[in-house]
Protein backbone atom coordinates (compact mmCIF):
# COMPACT_ATOMS: atom_id res chain seq x y z
CA UNK A 1 -2.78 -6.88 0.71
CA UNK A 2 -6.37 -7.92 1.27
CA UNK A 3 -9.56 -5.96 1.24
CA UNK A 4 -11.92 -5.63 4.17
CA UNK A 5 -12.76 -8.83 6.03
CA UNK A 6 -16.05 -8.79 8.04
CA UNK A 7 -15.97 -9.03 11.80
CA UNK A 8 -18.30 -11.30 13.74
CA UNK A 9 -21.41 -9.44 14.98
CA UNK A 10 -21.31 -8.95 18.73
CA UNK A 11 -23.97 -10.95 20.63
CA UNK A 12 -26.06 -9.34 23.35
CA UNK A 13 -24.52 -8.98 26.77
CA UNK A 14 -20.91 -9.02 25.63
CA UNK A 15 -17.78 -7.24 26.76
CA UNK A 16 -16.03 -5.33 23.99
CA UNK A 17 -18.15 -7.30 21.53
CA UNK A 18 -16.99 -10.73 22.71
CA UNK A 19 -18.75 -13.01 25.21
CA UNK A 20 -15.48 -14.67 26.12
CA UNK A 21 -16.03 -14.97 29.86
CA UNK A 22 -19.33 -16.80 29.56
CA UNK A 23 -18.36 -19.29 26.86
CA UNK A 24 -15.06 -21.15 26.34
CA UNK A 25 -15.36 -20.57 22.59
CA UNK A 26 -17.51 -17.94 20.93
CA UNK A 27 -17.83 -19.51 17.52
CA UNK A 28 -17.96 -23.31 17.40
CA UNK A 29 -18.71 -26.10 19.83
CA UNK A 30 -15.91 -28.60 20.48
CA UNK A 31 -15.68 -31.52 18.07
CA UNK A 32 -16.43 -34.93 19.56
CA UNK A 33 -13.89 -36.84 17.45
CA UNK A 34 -11.50 -38.41 20.00
CA UNK A 35 -8.94 -39.39 17.35
CA UNK A 36 -8.57 -35.90 15.91
CA UNK A 37 -5.15 -34.25 15.81
CA UNK A 38 -5.40 -30.84 17.44
CA UNK A 39 -3.31 -27.70 17.82
CA UNK A 40 -3.61 -24.66 20.06
CA UNK A 41 -2.07 -21.69 18.30
CA UNK A 42 -1.14 -18.33 19.81
CA UNK A 43 -0.79 -15.94 16.83
CA UNK A 44 1.15 -12.70 17.08
CA UNK A 45 -2.01 -10.64 16.97
CA UNK A 46 -5.63 -10.74 15.87
CA UNK A 47 -6.10 -12.90 12.81
CA UNK A 48 -7.43 -9.94 10.84
CA UNK A 49 -3.88 -8.56 10.77
CA UNK A 50 -3.21 -11.01 7.93
CA UNK A 51 -5.28 -8.70 5.73
CA UNK A 52 -3.17 -5.70 6.71
CA UNK A 53 0.10 -7.47 6.07
CA UNK A 54 -1.17 -9.04 2.86
CA UNK A 55 0.20 -12.41 3.93
CA UNK A 56 -2.65 -14.80 3.18
CA UNK A 57 -1.04 -18.16 2.49
CA UNK A 58 -3.45 -21.10 2.07
CA UNK A 59 -2.81 -23.60 4.86
CA UNK A 60 -0.39 -21.26 6.66
CA UNK A 61 -1.48 -22.52 10.10
CA UNK A 62 -2.05 -26.12 8.99
CA UNK A 63 0.76 -27.27 6.68
CA UNK A 64 -0.07 -30.43 4.81
CA UNK A 65 -3.51 -30.48 6.50
CA UNK A 66 -1.80 -32.12 9.45
CA UNK A 67 -4.42 -31.09 12.02
CA UNK A 68 -8.11 -31.90 12.18
CA UNK A 69 -8.86 -29.10 14.64
CA UNK A 70 -7.18 -25.78 15.42
CA UNK A 71 -7.94 -23.56 18.40
CA UNK A 72 -6.68 -19.98 18.17
CA UNK A 73 -6.14 -17.97 21.36
CA UNK A 74 -5.98 -14.42 20.06
CA UNK A 75 -4.79 -11.35 22.02
CA UNK A 76 -7.85 -9.22 21.24
CA UNK A 77 -11.51 -8.88 22.17
CA UNK A 78 -12.79 -9.16 18.60
CA UNK A 79 -11.59 -11.08 15.57
CA UNK A 80 -12.72 -12.73 12.36
CA UNK A 81 -15.25 -15.51 12.00
CA UNK A 82 -13.82 -19.01 11.45
CA UNK A 83 -15.07 -19.00 7.85
CA UNK A 84 -12.87 -15.97 7.17
CA UNK A 85 -9.82 -17.76 8.57
CA UNK A 86 -10.46 -21.10 6.89
CA UNK A 87 -8.14 -20.39 3.97
CA UNK A 88 -5.25 -20.25 6.47
CA UNK A 89 -6.21 -23.56 8.10
CA UNK A 90 -6.88 -25.99 5.28
CA UNK A 91 -9.61 -28.49 6.15
CA UNK A 92 -9.20 -28.19 9.92
CA UNK A 93 -12.16 -27.30 12.11
CA UNK A 94 -11.47 -23.82 13.48
CA UNK A 95 -12.32 -22.34 16.87
CA UNK A 96 -11.35 -18.81 17.88
CA UNK A 97 -11.00 -17.79 21.53
CA UNK A 98 -10.50 -14.03 22.09
CA UNK A 99 -8.68 -13.58 25.40
CA UNK A 100 -8.06 -9.83 25.19
CA UNK A 101 -4.91 -7.76 24.95
CA UNK A 102 -2.06 -8.95 27.15
CA UNK A 103 0.25 -6.89 29.33
CA UNK A 104 2.30 -7.35 32.48
CA UNK A 105 -0.63 -6.42 34.73
CA UNK A 106 -3.09 -8.96 33.36
CA UNK A 107 -0.61 -11.67 32.40
CA UNK A 108 -1.56 -13.94 35.30
CA UNK A 109 -5.32 -13.77 34.69
CA UNK A 110 -4.90 -14.22 30.93
CA UNK A 111 -2.71 -17.25 31.60
CA UNK A 112 -5.35 -18.86 33.82
CA UNK A 113 -7.98 -18.35 31.14
CA UNK A 114 -5.71 -19.75 28.43
CA UNK A 115 -4.88 -22.85 30.47
CA UNK A 116 -8.60 -23.51 30.88
CA UNK A 117 -9.17 -23.17 27.13
CA UNK A 118 -6.19 -25.37 26.26
CA UNK A 119 -7.26 -28.03 28.77
CA UNK A 120 -10.70 -28.22 27.12
CA UNK A 121 -9.19 -28.25 23.62
CA UNK A 122 -6.81 -31.16 24.45
CA UNK A 123 -4.21 -30.23 21.82
CA UNK A 124 -1.40 -32.47 20.65
CA UNK A 125 0.87 -29.45 20.08
CA UNK A 126 0.92 -25.83 21.25
CA UNK A 127 2.56 -23.23 19.03
CA UNK A 128 3.42 -19.58 19.57
CA UNK A 129 4.90 -17.08 17.12
CA UNK A 130 6.83 -14.87 19.53
CA UNK A 131 8.73 -15.10 22.84
CA UNK A 132 6.80 -12.24 24.46
CA UNK A 133 3.58 -12.27 26.49
CA UNK A 134 1.71 -14.50 24.04
CA UNK A 135 4.62 -16.92 23.96
CA UNK A 136 4.78 -16.87 27.76
CA UNK A 137 1.13 -17.86 28.09
CA UNK A 138 1.60 -20.61 25.50
CA UNK A 139 4.66 -21.90 27.37
CA UNK A 140 2.76 -21.93 30.66
CA UNK A 141 -0.10 -23.86 29.06
CA UNK A 142 2.35 -26.39 27.66
CA UNK A 143 4.13 -26.85 30.98
CA UNK A 144 0.99 -27.17 33.09
CA UNK A 145 -0.71 -29.57 30.68
CA UNK A 146 2.37 -31.54 29.59
CA UNK A 147 1.97 -30.71 25.89
CA UNK A 148 4.82 -30.29 23.36
CA UNK A 149 5.54 -26.63 22.67
CA UNK A 150 6.95 -25.01 19.52
CA UNK A 151 7.89 -21.33 19.34
CA UNK A 152 8.64 -19.63 16.02
CA UNK A 153 10.65 -16.41 15.94
CA UNK A 154 10.05 -13.97 13.09
CA UNK A 155 12.01 -10.99 14.40
CA UNK A 156 15.22 -10.35 16.32
CA UNK A 157 14.13 -8.94 19.71
CA UNK A 158 17.62 -7.67 20.50
CA UNK A 159 17.58 -5.61 17.32
CA UNK A 160 14.32 -3.96 18.37
CA UNK A 161 15.75 -3.26 21.82
CA UNK A 162 18.87 -1.71 20.30
CA UNK A 163 16.66 0.53 18.16
CA UNK A 164 15.02 1.94 21.28
CA UNK A 165 11.69 0.18 20.86
CA UNK A 166 10.94 1.83 17.54
CA UNK A 167 10.96 5.39 18.96
CA UNK A 168 8.52 4.44 21.74
CA UNK A 169 9.75 4.63 25.33
CA UNK A 170 6.86 2.47 26.51
CA UNK A 171 7.67 -0.20 23.94
CA UNK A 172 11.34 -0.09 24.91
CA UNK A 173 10.51 -0.61 28.59
CA UNK A 174 8.29 -3.57 27.71
CA UNK A 175 11.09 -5.10 25.63
CA UNK A 176 13.56 -4.60 28.48
CA UNK A 177 11.17 -6.31 30.90
CA UNK A 178 10.38 -9.25 28.61
CA UNK A 179 14.07 -9.65 27.80
CA UNK A 180 14.84 -10.19 31.48
CA UNK A 181 11.83 -12.14 32.73
CA UNK A 182 9.71 -13.49 29.88
CA UNK A 183 11.75 -14.43 26.82
CA UNK A 184 14.27 -16.68 28.65
CA UNK A 185 11.41 -18.72 30.13
CA UNK A 186 9.66 -19.12 26.77
CA UNK A 187 12.78 -20.24 24.92
CA UNK A 188 13.92 -22.66 27.61
CA UNK A 189 10.45 -24.15 27.90
CA UNK A 190 10.12 -24.83 24.16
CA UNK A 191 10.56 -28.33 22.78
CA UNK A 192 11.27 -26.80 19.37
CA UNK A 193 12.57 -23.35 18.43
CA UNK A 194 12.63 -22.21 14.82
CA UNK A 195 13.68 -18.86 13.39
CA UNK A 196 12.90 -17.14 10.13
CA UNK A 197 16.29 -15.43 9.84
CA UNK A 198 19.88 -16.34 10.62
CA UNK A 199 20.30 -13.06 12.55
CA UNK A 200 18.11 -14.60 15.27
CA UNK A 201 20.54 -17.47 15.95
CA UNK A 202 22.80 -15.63 18.48
CA UNK A 203 19.74 -14.48 20.44
CA UNK A 204 18.38 -18.02 20.80
CA UNK A 205 21.78 -19.53 21.51
CA UNK A 206 22.41 -17.04 24.30
CA UNK A 207 19.26 -18.15 26.09
CA UNK A 208 19.25 -21.88 25.33
CA UNK A 209 22.79 -22.84 24.35
CA UNK A 210 21.43 -24.30 21.10
CA UNK A 211 20.96 -23.07 17.55
CA UNK A 212 17.38 -22.78 16.30
CA UNK A 213 16.38 -24.41 13.05
CA UNK A 214 16.03 -21.86 10.24
CA UNK A 215 12.74 -22.08 8.32
CA UNK A 216 12.21 -19.25 5.88
CA UNK A 217 8.82 -17.70 5.34
CA UNK A 218 7.57 -19.16 2.09
CA UNK A 219 6.08 -17.76 -1.10
CA UNK A 220 4.13 -19.35 -3.93
CA UNK A 221 6.76 -19.41 -6.67
CA UNK A 222 4.29 -20.31 -9.41
CA UNK A 223 1.94 -17.44 -8.62
CA UNK A 224 4.60 -14.77 -8.19
CA UNK A 225 6.42 -16.06 -11.23
CA UNK A 226 3.32 -15.20 -13.29
CA UNK A 227 1.08 -12.18 -13.22
CA UNK A 228 0.11 -9.53 -15.75
CA UNK A 229 1.55 -6.08 -16.39
CA UNK A 230 -0.72 -3.25 -15.25
CA UNK A 231 -0.72 -0.57 -17.95
CA UNK A 232 -2.31 1.96 -15.59
CA UNK A 233 0.86 2.24 -13.51
CA UNK A 234 3.51 4.84 -14.42
CA UNK A 235 6.96 3.87 -15.70
CA UNK A 236 9.74 3.55 -14.83
CA UNK A 237 8.45 2.18 -11.54
CA UNK A 238 10.20 1.36 -8.27
CA UNK A 239 8.08 -0.87 -6.03
CA UNK A 240 8.27 -1.16 -2.24
CA UNK A 241 5.97 -3.43 -0.22
CA UNK A 242 5.77 -3.62 3.56
CA UNK A 243 4.18 -2.31 6.73
CA UNK A 244 4.76 1.42 7.20
CA UNK A 245 6.82 1.10 10.37
CA UNK A 246 10.26 2.36 11.32
CA UNK A 247 11.97 -1.00 10.77
CA UNK A 248 11.03 -0.98 7.06
CA UNK A 249 12.86 2.29 6.36
CA UNK A 250 10.46 3.85 3.85
CA UNK A 251 11.68 7.30 4.84
CA UNK A 252 15.15 6.45 3.52
CA UNK A 253 13.63 5.29 0.26
CA UNK A 254 11.46 8.39 -0.20
CA UNK A 255 14.47 10.64 0.40
CA UNK A 256 16.44 8.59 -2.14
CA UNK A 257 13.80 9.23 -4.81
CA UNK A 258 14.75 12.93 -4.90
CA UNK A 259 17.70 11.86 -7.05
CA UNK A 260 15.90 9.19 -9.11
CA UNK A 261 13.90 10.00 -12.25
CA UNK A 262 11.17 7.43 -11.66
CA UNK A 263 7.96 6.81 -9.74
CA UNK A 264 7.81 5.04 -6.39
CA UNK A 265 4.83 2.85 -5.48
CA UNK A 266 4.57 1.98 -1.78
CA UNK A 267 2.09 -0.77 -0.90
CA UNK A 268 1.33 -1.11 2.78
CA UNK A 269 -0.29 0.50 5.78
CA UNK A 270 0.92 1.34 9.25
CA UNK A 271 1.61 3.92 11.91
CA UNK A 272 3.90 6.04 9.72
CA UNK A 273 1.50 6.49 6.80
CA UNK A 274 0.74 10.15 7.49
CA UNK A 275 4.35 10.98 8.30
CA UNK A 276 5.64 9.40 5.08
CA UNK A 277 3.07 11.22 2.95
CA UNK A 278 4.14 14.44 4.62
CA UNK A 279 7.79 13.69 3.86
CA UNK A 280 7.07 13.18 0.16
CA UNK A 281 5.24 16.52 0.06
CA UNK A 282 7.95 18.31 2.03
CA UNK A 283 10.75 17.33 -0.35
CA UNK A 284 8.62 18.05 -3.43
CA UNK A 285 8.15 14.58 -4.92
CA UNK A 286 4.58 13.78 -3.84
CA UNK A 287 3.46 13.51 -7.49
CA UNK A 288 5.99 10.72 -8.03
CA UNK A 289 5.24 8.76 -4.84
CA UNK A 290 2.09 6.63 -4.87
CA UNK A 291 0.70 5.13 -1.66
CA UNK A 292 -1.66 2.15 -1.75
CA UNK A 293 -2.68 1.03 1.71
CA UNK A 294 -4.56 -2.08 0.59
CA UNK A 295 -4.18 -4.30 -2.45
CA UNK A 296 -6.17 -7.54 -2.85
CA UNK A 297 -3.91 -10.50 -2.17
CA UNK A 298 -5.27 -12.12 -5.32
CA UNK A 299 -3.66 -9.40 -7.47
CA UNK A 300 -0.52 -8.39 -5.54
CA UNK A 301 1.67 -10.38 -7.95
CA UNK A 302 0.49 -8.15 -10.82
CA UNK A 303 2.07 -5.15 -9.08
CA UNK A 304 5.39 -6.96 -8.81
CA UNK A 305 5.14 -7.91 -12.48
CA UNK A 306 4.59 -4.24 -13.40
CA UNK A 307 7.64 -2.83 -11.60
CA UNK A 308 11.16 -2.31 -12.94
CA UNK A 309 12.99 -2.48 -9.59
CA UNK A 310 12.10 -3.52 -6.06
CA UNK A 311 13.52 -1.53 -3.13
CA UNK A 312 13.10 -1.79 0.63
CA UNK A 313 15.33 -0.06 3.21
CA UNK A 314 14.54 -2.46 6.06
CA UNK A 315 16.79 -3.04 9.06
CA UNK A 316 18.91 -6.16 8.31
CA UNK A 317 19.74 -6.57 11.99
CA UNK A 318 16.07 -7.34 12.64
CA UNK A 319 15.19 -9.37 9.53
CA UNK A 320 17.40 -10.85 6.83
CA UNK A 321 14.87 -11.50 4.09
CA UNK A 322 11.39 -10.02 4.61
CA UNK A 323 8.48 -11.69 2.85
CA UNK A 324 8.09 -8.86 0.27
CA UNK A 325 11.74 -9.34 -0.71
CA UNK A 326 11.06 -13.05 -1.25
CA UNK A 327 8.00 -12.17 -3.34
CA UNK A 328 10.07 -9.75 -5.42
CA UNK A 329 12.70 -12.41 -6.01
CA UNK A 330 10.05 -14.94 -7.05
CA UNK A 331 8.70 -12.29 -9.45
CA UNK A 332 12.14 -11.88 -11.02
CA UNK A 333 12.68 -8.29 -9.92
CA UNK A 334 16.18 -6.87 -9.43
CA UNK A 335 16.64 -5.77 -5.82
CA UNK A 336 17.94 -2.69 -4.04
CA UNK A 337 18.10 -3.55 -0.34
CA UNK A 338 20.53 -3.29 2.58
CA UNK A 339 23.29 -5.85 2.44
CA UNK A 340 22.61 -8.46 5.16
CA UNK A 341 25.56 -10.03 6.92
CA UNK A 342 24.21 -13.49 6.13
CA UNK A 343 24.50 -16.14 3.46
CA UNK A 344 21.02 -15.58 2.03
CA UNK A 345 22.24 -12.86 -0.33
CA UNK A 346 25.47 -14.33 -1.66
CA UNK A 347 25.69 -13.30 -5.30
CA UNK A 348 23.77 -10.03 -4.94
CA UNK A 349 26.74 -7.81 -4.16
CA UNK A 350 26.31 -5.66 -7.26
CA UNK A 351 22.57 -5.10 -6.83
CA UNK A 352 22.21 -4.73 -3.07
CA UNK A 353 23.38 -1.50 -1.52
CA UNK A 354 25.82 -1.59 1.37
CA UNK A 355 24.76 1.50 3.32
CA UNK A 356 21.40 2.40 4.83
CA UNK A 357 21.23 5.96 3.53
CA UNK A 358 19.33 7.78 0.75
CA UNK A 359 22.40 8.43 -1.41
CA UNK A 360 23.36 4.77 -1.49
CA UNK A 361 19.82 3.70 -2.33
CA UNK A 362 19.55 6.32 -5.06
CA UNK A 363 22.81 5.07 -6.60
CA UNK A 364 21.63 1.46 -6.52
CA UNK A 365 18.27 2.27 -8.10
CA UNK A 366 19.81 4.48 -10.79
CA UNK A 367 22.38 1.81 -11.62
CA UNK A 368 19.62 -0.69 -12.39
CA UNK A 369 17.23 1.69 -14.14
CA UNK A 370 19.98 2.90 -16.49
CA UNK A 371 21.08 -0.59 -17.60
CA UNK A 372 18.45 -2.95 -19.01
CA UNK A 373 21.01 -5.73 -19.39
CA UNK A 374 21.99 -5.47 -15.73
CA UNK A 375 18.32 -5.57 -14.69
CA UNK A 376 17.85 -8.72 -16.72
CA UNK A 377 20.97 -10.29 -15.21
CA UNK A 378 19.86 -9.69 -11.64
CA UNK A 379 16.27 -10.61 -12.39
CA UNK A 380 17.59 -14.07 -13.25
CA UNK A 381 19.61 -14.19 -10.04
CA UNK A 382 16.51 -13.24 -8.08
CA UNK A 383 14.54 -16.13 -9.56
CA UNK A 384 17.36 -18.55 -8.82
CA UNK A 385 17.58 -17.42 -5.20
CA UNK A 386 13.81 -17.58 -4.75
CA UNK A 387 13.88 -21.39 -4.98
CA UNK A 388 15.06 -21.46 -1.35
CA UNK A 389 11.82 -19.79 -0.28
CA UNK A 390 9.35 -22.16 -1.95
CA UNK A 391 6.20 -22.34 0.20
CA UNK A 392 5.94 -26.05 -0.56
CA UNK A 393 9.34 -26.69 1.00
CA UNK A 394 8.45 -24.60 4.05
CA UNK A 395 5.10 -26.32 4.56
CA UNK A 396 6.63 -29.78 4.20
CA UNK A 397 9.22 -29.13 6.90
CA UNK A 398 6.67 -27.60 9.27
CA UNK A 399 4.40 -30.63 8.87
CA UNK A 400 7.37 -32.86 9.71
CA UNK A 401 8.03 -30.89 12.89
CA UNK A 402 4.41 -31.18 13.96
CA UNK A 403 4.57 -34.93 13.40
CA UNK A 404 7.76 -35.18 15.46
CA UNK A 405 6.21 -33.22 18.33
CA UNK A 406 2.85 -34.98 18.26
CA UNK A 407 4.68 -38.31 18.20
CA UNK A 408 6.06 -37.61 21.66
CA UNK A 409 2.62 -38.17 23.13
CA UNK A 410 -0.10 -40.81 22.59
CA UNK A 411 -2.97 -39.89 20.31
CA UNK A 412 -6.01 -38.32 21.98
CA UNK A 413 -7.94 -41.59 22.15
CA UNK A 414 -5.05 -43.33 23.91
CA UNK A 415 -4.75 -40.52 26.46
CA UNK A 416 -8.42 -40.86 27.33
CA UNK A 417 -8.06 -44.62 27.67
CA UNK A 418 -5.11 -44.26 30.03
CA UNK A 419 -7.02 -41.73 32.12
CA UNK A 420 -9.99 -44.07 32.40
CA UNK A 421 -7.78 -46.93 33.64
CA UNK A 422 -5.95 -44.85 36.23
């Protein structure tokens, strides 16, 4: 988790703090380099959400420093300054274009604006990180401008629909609508579809007839394999890291701790923060449950190093291996998690629970806390499994995909030359 990142001061005469209508890009003028490799990226949300999720991977949006310029089209009116995003973009020149929140009513106008921005940016590749409204706008830009389009899927939309939109009727209705009219268009329009989890494969295959390529979210094995023990934390300690949302199942974990003689440290923020604190108080274990909403990303690995067990009661139908689970594995922590119906967890049968209920989680945690030898055994298995999630491997493959997509079109200088001769 990161600390507070400063927002860009709002200039005079702006709407919601952003003068987006008057200027194609609020922050930086376009670069004049005609040979530059460029990308237009449609992130899942404002870029400041990286601080809330604690997922600040150097070069995340520019693997291998493939691009010289990156234009972000963000679904918000305000966002970070380019200097605050630079760590995610390597050496690329960054421009940020706030286009406002997107919904079914403004989808057409947001699309027109995005096409204008993308046309001026002249990208070699367009990438989106979801098949919803943001992905739809990205797909429309790609189709209208004839630019290769890559969509990455980090969740299983059908799983969210089956869960009733996360207890929100409005969210469920949106998911029903996008499932019928938006997601099929995005997936069929994409030149490349990748997925973070194998549970997403049936969803993509139903819409496209093809399997997506699986590219796991990556972690820095060297950093999470190190770290220092924090003596200020209580022991024994069960650690859980993740956004405080229904899909992460922290309520199950808190209820499980009634029958576990240990402390629980939950790192993360989200819509259920108040509700989860109330639950811990209601069942009488609030003194043994510690909430930390923000932890600096530079020290998060020390918290993993200080724990005895990692536990997360996430929904395996939506995500097979969440990033915090990968980080825990890289840190050599034994795991207590739901048993996914996928190959990623072969060999973890004795450590991973099989039922998503407090009693099963309590049994799994107690089994590990009571047996130091077993913890050591499964710590080794965690480290072995973590090799599959090496950020270097992930970045290398993503750079290859960008090269494959950009290779389908002439470089920017050649395109301009062809236009001049026509």
